[in-house]
Amino acid sequence: MPQDMTKTIGLIAGMGYLPMAVADEARRQGYRVFAVGLEPVVNEALRDYVDEFTTVNVAKLGALIKTLKGAGLTEAIMAGKVPKSLLYKNMAMPDMRTVSFMLKLKNHNDDSILNALVEEFASEGITMLNITDFTSGMITPAGLLTKKGLSKEEQKDIDFGFPLAKEMGRLDIGQTIVVKGRAVMAVEAIEGTDMAILRGGELAVSGAVVIKTSKPAQDKRFDYPAVGLDTIAAMKTAKARVLGLEAGNTLIVQKDAVIKDAQAAGISIIGVKY
C-alpha cells in the first residue's frame, strides 16, 4: 500500500454496500476517494461516501480507463459484485476496448476475466490494490458469531461441505454451496450467491446449511468472498438455518447488522478455520 496518504485512490464500484464500506476505510486511512460506479449495478448512495463520484456503463471499458486516467489515478480498488450474467443480457453497446478485451479472453471464467482486466489496467499505468487493505474490520473471525449454536447434523453438514466448496473454488465455478443431510442442494455458478441460496432452499425445503469460502489461491485484488444483509435475506426466504464462512478469508459487510438480523431470524453464523 502506498505511503503517501494524501494520494487520491480510485474505487471501481459494483453492486452492494461493500464499495461504501471500502470508501469509508480508505478515507479513514487518509486517502481521497474517486469513485467510478459501474452502471446499471452501482448503488447511487455511494456518492455520499466518496470525494468524487461519476458513473460509466459496465460495457464501456475504454470509457472506464479514460475516466481513471483523466483523474490522474495510478492506483485503484475493485469492490462490489458485477454479475457475470450481464455478459449474457442486453447491455449498452460495448465500446471497442471492451470488444477487443473480450476477444482476447481464453474463456469467460471469473479468474480469466478479472486477471485479464487487471493486466489491462496495468498496461495503462493503473495498479489494482488488495481489497483486504481496506476491509480489516470485516474479516470473518473463527468461531460462533451468533447466540444459537449448531446441531450435530448441521455440524456434520459443515464438515461435509467445506472441502466441496473449496474444490468448487479451485475449479473457478463459484464460492458458495448449499447442503443438507450431507447432500449438495446447490452450487453457485453464474447466478451468484443469493440465487444459489434460493435454489438450494427450494430443494432442501428448510434447514439448509450455506457455506462460503475463498478460492484455494484467492486473489485479494478482486472477487473476494463477502456476505451481507442480502445474504441473510436470501437465507430467510430459503428457510436456511446456518451460514458457514471461512474464517480469515471471507468478509462480512455491515457485520453487526448482519449478526443482529441473523439472530432475529434464528440463523446461526459460524467462522470455520479451514
Protein backbone atom coordinates (compact mmCIF):
# COMPACT_ATOMS: atom_id res chain seq x y z
CA MET A 1 0.00 0.00 0.00
CA PRO A 2 1.42 3.44 -0.86
CA GLN A 3 2.94 5.58 1.88
CA ASP A 4 1.73 8.94 0.54
CA MET A 5 -1.55 9.20 2.39
CA THR A 6 -2.63 12.35 0.53
CA LYS A 7 -2.93 10.42 -2.71
CA THR A 8 -6.27 10.02 -4.44
CA ILE A 9 -7.27 6.40 -4.90
CA GLY A 10 -9.71 5.10 -7.47
CA LEU A 11 -12.67 2.95 -6.49
CA ILE A 12 -14.29 0.89 -9.24
CA ALA A 13 -17.66 0.15 -7.69
CA GLY A 14 -20.09 -2.65 -8.41
CA MET A 15 -23.28 -3.50 -6.56
CA GLY A 16 -23.99 -3.68 -2.84
CA TYR A 17 -22.74 -1.94 0.28
CA LEU A 18 -19.13 -3.16 0.06
CA PRO A 19 -17.92 -0.19 -2.06
CA MET A 20 -19.27 2.17 0.62
CA ALA A 21 -17.51 0.31 3.41
CA VAL A 22 -14.25 0.28 1.44
CA ALA A 23 -14.57 4.01 0.71
CA ASP A 24 -15.13 4.72 4.41
CA GLU A 25 -11.99 2.80 5.37
CA ALA A 26 -9.87 4.38 2.62
CA ARG A 27 -10.85 7.85 3.79
CA ARG A 28 -10.12 6.89 7.40
CA GLN A 29 -6.64 5.94 6.21
CA GLY A 30 -6.21 9.42 4.73
CA TYR A 31 -6.98 8.83 1.05
CA ARG A 32 -9.17 10.92 -1.18
CA VAL A 33 -11.55 8.55 -2.97
CA PHE A 34 -12.52 9.00 -6.61
CA ALA A 35 -15.32 6.51 -7.32
CA VAL A 36 -16.40 5.25 -10.70
CA GLY A 37 -19.72 3.48 -10.34
CA LEU A 38 -20.50 0.76 -12.86
CA GLU A 39 -23.96 1.21 -14.32
CA PRO A 40 -26.50 -0.34 -14.06
CA VAL A 41 -25.49 -2.09 -10.83
CA VAL A 42 -23.85 0.58 -8.64
CA ASN A 43 -25.72 1.95 -5.64
CA GLU A 44 -26.01 5.70 -6.24
CA ALA A 45 -25.82 6.28 -2.48
CA LEU A 46 -22.07 5.71 -2.85
CA ARG A 47 -21.68 9.36 -3.85
CA ASP A 48 -22.20 10.32 -0.19
CA TYR A 49 -19.20 8.22 0.88
CA VAL A 50 -16.54 9.50 -1.52
CA ASP A 51 -14.80 12.72 -2.52
CA GLU A 52 -15.68 12.48 -6.21
CA PHE A 53 -18.23 10.30 -7.96
CA THR A 54 -19.01 9.52 -11.56
CA THR A 55 -20.51 6.59 -13.46
CA VAL A 56 -19.56 4.54 -16.50
CA ASN A 57 -21.58 1.79 -18.12
CA VAL A 58 -20.20 -1.65 -17.30
CA ALA A 59 -19.85 -2.37 -21.03
CA LYS A 60 -17.53 0.61 -21.63
CA LEU A 61 -14.03 -0.49 -20.63
CA GLY A 62 -12.43 2.22 -22.74
CA ALA A 63 -14.51 4.90 -21.02
CA LEU A 64 -13.63 3.46 -17.60
CA ILE A 65 -9.90 3.58 -18.28
CA LYS A 66 -10.18 7.06 -19.77
CA THR A 67 -12.03 8.26 -16.66
CA LEU A 68 -9.43 6.83 -14.28
CA LYS A 69 -6.52 8.22 -16.27
CA GLY A 70 -8.26 11.57 -16.67
CA ALA A 71 -8.38 11.82 -12.88
CA GLY A 72 -4.63 11.20 -12.74
CA LEU A 73 -5.05 7.91 -10.89
CA THR A 74 -2.32 5.29 -10.71
CA GLU A 75 -3.89 3.04 -8.06
CA ALA A 76 -7.41 1.72 -7.67
CA ILE A 77 -9.52 -0.84 -5.83
CA MET A 78 -12.32 -3.00 -7.20
CA ALA A 79 -15.22 -3.54 -4.78
CA GLY A 80 -18.75 -4.83 -5.19
CA LYS A 81 -20.12 -7.62 -7.33
CA VAL A 82 -20.61 -7.21 -11.06
CA PRO A 83 -22.82 -10.17 -12.04
CA LYS A 84 -21.25 -12.11 -14.89
CA SER A 85 -24.77 -12.76 -16.13
CA LEU A 86 -24.62 -9.22 -17.57
CA LEU A 87 -22.46 -10.71 -20.32
CA TYR A 88 -25.50 -12.64 -21.49
CA LYS A 89 -28.08 -9.89 -21.17
CA ASN A 90 -28.82 -6.87 -23.29
CA MET A 91 -26.36 -4.24 -22.10
CA ALA A 92 -25.42 -0.95 -23.67
CA MET A 93 -23.37 -1.35 -26.84
CA PRO A 94 -19.80 -2.20 -25.76
CA ASP A 95 -17.04 0.16 -26.84
CA MET A 96 -14.14 -1.00 -28.99
CA ARG A 97 -11.85 -1.51 -25.96
CA THR A 98 -14.40 -3.90 -24.48
CA VAL A 99 -14.83 -5.79 -27.75
CA SER A 100 -11.07 -6.18 -28.12
CA PHE A 101 -10.76 -7.26 -24.48
CA MET A 102 -13.46 -9.92 -24.77
CA LEU A 103 -11.99 -11.35 -27.97
CA LYS A 104 -8.64 -11.89 -26.25
CA LEU A 105 -10.09 -13.94 -23.39
CA LYS A 106 -9.40 -17.68 -23.43
CA ASN A 107 -12.72 -18.28 -21.60
CA HIS A 108 -15.29 -16.40 -19.53
CA ASN A 109 -14.44 -17.83 -16.11
CA ASP A 110 -14.23 -15.26 -13.32
CA ASP A 111 -10.47 -15.57 -12.86
CA SER A 112 -9.81 -15.32 -16.60
CA ILE A 113 -11.87 -12.15 -16.93
CA LEU A 114 -10.59 -10.45 -13.79
CA ASN A 115 -6.91 -11.33 -14.26
CA ALA A 116 -7.09 -10.04 -17.80
CA LEU A 117 -8.82 -6.89 -16.55
CA VAL A 118 -6.06 -6.27 -14.00
CA GLU A 119 -3.48 -6.63 -16.80
CA GLU A 120 -5.46 -4.21 -18.95
CA PHE A 121 -5.38 -1.57 -16.23
CA ALA A 122 -1.66 -2.24 -15.59
CA SER A 123 -0.92 -1.62 -19.26
CA GLU A 124 -2.33 1.88 -18.73
CA GLY A 125 -0.28 2.52 -15.58
CA ILE A 126 -3.07 1.73 -13.09
CA THR A 127 -2.27 -0.76 -10.33
CA MET A 128 -5.06 -2.65 -8.58
CA LEU A 129 -4.62 -2.85 -4.80
CA ASN A 130 -5.72 -5.67 -2.49
CA ILE A 131 -9.21 -5.06 -1.17
CA THR A 132 -8.09 -6.60 2.13
CA ASP A 133 -6.02 -3.46 2.77
CA PHE A 134 -9.34 -1.67 3.28
CA THR A 135 -11.55 -4.33 4.90
CA SER A 136 -9.72 -5.42 8.07
CA GLY A 137 -12.78 -4.84 10.25
CA MET A 138 -14.92 -7.08 8.04
CA ILE A 139 -12.79 -10.25 8.12
CA THR A 140 -14.72 -13.24 9.48
CA PRO A 141 -13.31 -14.42 12.83
CA ALA A 142 -13.21 -18.08 13.82
CA GLY A 143 -15.99 -19.46 16.00
CA LEU A 144 -19.70 -18.98 16.54
CA LEU A 145 -20.81 -15.39 15.86
CA THR A 146 -24.45 -15.77 16.89
CA LYS A 147 -26.02 -16.92 20.15
CA LYS A 148 -27.65 -20.04 18.76
CA GLY A 149 -25.22 -22.89 18.08
CA LEU A 150 -25.28 -25.75 15.57
CA SER A 151 -26.92 -29.12 15.96
CA LYS A 152 -24.83 -32.26 15.44
CA GLU A 153 -26.39 -32.72 11.99
CA GLU A 154 -25.63 -29.12 11.00
CA GLN A 155 -22.02 -29.53 12.14
CA LYS A 156 -21.79 -32.68 10.01
CA ASP A 157 -23.04 -30.65 7.03
CA ILE A 158 -20.36 -28.02 7.68
CA ASP A 159 -17.66 -30.70 7.81
CA PHE A 160 -19.04 -32.32 4.67
CA GLY A 161 -19.49 -29.13 2.70
CA PHE A 162 -16.29 -27.17 3.29
CA PRO A 163 -13.97 -29.39 1.22
CA LEU A 164 -16.51 -29.38 -1.60
CA ALA A 165 -16.83 -25.60 -1.52
CA LYS A 166 -13.04 -25.24 -1.69
CA GLU A 167 -12.94 -27.59 -4.67
CA MET A 168 -15.63 -25.57 -6.44
CA GLY A 169 -13.45 -22.52 -5.86
CA ARG A 170 -10.37 -24.29 -7.21
CA LEU A 171 -12.30 -25.07 -10.37
CA ASP A 172 -13.39 -21.39 -10.57
CA ILE A 173 -17.07 -22.34 -10.57
CA GLY A 174 -18.25 -20.44 -7.50
CA GLN A 175 -17.60 -19.74 -3.83
CA THR A 176 -20.84 -20.98 -2.27
CA ILE A 177 -22.61 -24.30 -1.86
CA VAL A 178 -25.86 -25.21 -0.12
CA VAL A 179 -26.06 -28.57 1.66
CA LYS A 180 -28.49 -30.55 3.80
CA GLY A 181 -28.17 -34.05 5.20
CA ARG A 182 -24.65 -34.26 3.72
CA ALA A 183 -26.00 -33.83 0.22
CA VAL A 184 -25.39 -30.86 -2.09
CA MET A 185 -28.57 -28.91 -2.82
CA ALA A 186 -26.97 -26.18 -4.96
CA VAL A 187 -23.60 -24.94 -6.19
CA GLU A 188 -23.10 -21.27 -7.01
CA ALA A 189 -22.42 -20.67 -10.68
CA ILE A 190 -23.11 -17.64 -12.86
CA GLU A 191 -26.26 -16.68 -10.94
CA GLY A 192 -24.40 -15.57 -7.79
CA THR A 193 -24.64 -16.39 -4.09
CA ASP A 194 -28.16 -15.20 -3.30
CA MET A 195 -29.78 -17.01 -6.22
CA ALA A 196 -27.86 -20.19 -5.37
CA ILE A 197 -29.20 -19.97 -1.80
CA LEU A 198 -32.77 -19.61 -3.07
CA ARG A 199 -32.35 -22.51 -5.50
CA GLY A 200 -30.84 -24.71 -2.79
CA GLY A 201 -33.57 -23.72 -0.38
CA GLU A 202 -36.26 -24.92 -2.76
CA LEU A 203 -34.72 -28.40 -2.79
CA ALA A 204 -33.88 -28.52 0.91
CA VAL A 205 -37.34 -27.14 1.85
CA SER A 206 -35.94 -25.92 5.18
CA GLY A 207 -32.88 -26.21 7.39
CA ALA A 208 -30.19 -25.89 4.74
CA VAL A 209 -26.59 -25.01 5.54
CA VAL A 210 -24.95 -22.35 3.36
CA ILE A 211 -21.16 -22.46 3.05
CA LYS A 212 -18.98 -19.75 1.53
CA THR A 213 -15.20 -20.00 1.17
CA SER A 214 -12.33 -18.33 -0.61
CA LYS A 215 -10.64 -19.98 -3.56
CA PRO A 216 -7.52 -22.00 -2.67
CA ALA A 217 -5.40 -19.39 -4.45
CA GLN A 218 -7.67 -16.40 -3.81
CA ASP A 219 -6.55 -13.17 -5.45
CA LYS A 220 -7.04 -10.37 -2.92
CA ARG A 221 -7.45 -7.74 -5.64
CA PHE A 222 -10.84 -8.91 -6.85
CA ASP A 223 -13.83 -11.21 -6.31
CA TYR A 224 -13.01 -11.56 -2.62
CA PRO A 225 -15.79 -13.61 -0.97
CA ALA A 226 -18.24 -11.48 1.00
CA VAL A 227 -21.68 -11.76 2.58
CA GLY A 228 -24.06 -9.09 3.83
CA LEU A 229 -27.66 -8.31 4.64
CA ASP A 230 -28.80 -9.53 1.22
CA THR A 231 -27.30 -12.93 2.05
CA ILE A 232 -29.33 -13.16 5.25
CA ALA A 233 -32.46 -12.03 3.40
CA ALA A 234 -31.97 -14.82 0.85
CA MET A 235 -31.43 -17.34 3.66
CA LYS A 236 -34.64 -16.24 5.39
CA THR A 237 -36.59 -16.72 2.16
CA ALA A 238 -34.95 -20.13 1.65
CA LYS A 239 -35.58 -21.10 5.31
CA ALA A 240 -31.87 -21.89 5.61
CA ARG A 241 -30.51 -22.36 9.13
CA VAL A 242 -26.71 -21.99 9.14
CA LEU A 243 -24.18 -19.76 7.38
CA GLY A 244 -20.67 -21.21 7.48
CA LEU A 245 -17.90 -18.82 6.43
CA GLU A 246 -14.20 -19.46 6.04
CA ALA A 247 -12.57 -17.65 8.94
CA GLY A 248 -9.83 -15.21 7.96
CA ASN A 249 -10.67 -15.41 4.25
CA THR A 250 -14.22 -14.05 3.88
CA LEU A 251 -15.80 -10.68 4.58
CA ILE A 252 -18.97 -9.81 6.48
CA VAL A 253 -20.15 -6.42 5.25
CA GLN A 254 -22.06 -4.46 7.92
CA LYS A 255 -21.08 -7.21 10.37
CA ASP A 256 -23.05 -6.01 13.41
CA ALA A 257 -26.26 -5.59 11.41
CA VAL A 258 -25.79 -8.98 9.72
CA ILE A 259 -25.33 -10.78 13.05
CA LYS A 260 -28.33 -9.00 14.59
CA ASP A 261 -30.55 -9.83 11.60
CA ALA A 262 -29.40 -13.45 11.59
CA GLN A 263 -30.07 -13.87 15.30
CA ALA A 264 -33.57 -12.42 14.93
CA ALA A 265 -34.26 -14.95 12.19
CA GLY A 266 -32.84 -17.93 14.11
CA ILE A 267 -29.90 -18.25 11.70
CA SER A 268 -26.51 -19.30 13.09
CA ILE A 269 -23.29 -17.86 11.64
CA ILE A 270 -20.01 -19.64 12.24
CA GLY A 271 -16.49 -18.83 11.13
CA VAL A 272 -14.65 -22.04 10.23
CA LYS A 273 -10.86 -22.21 10.16
CA TYR A 274 -10.15 -24.40 7.16
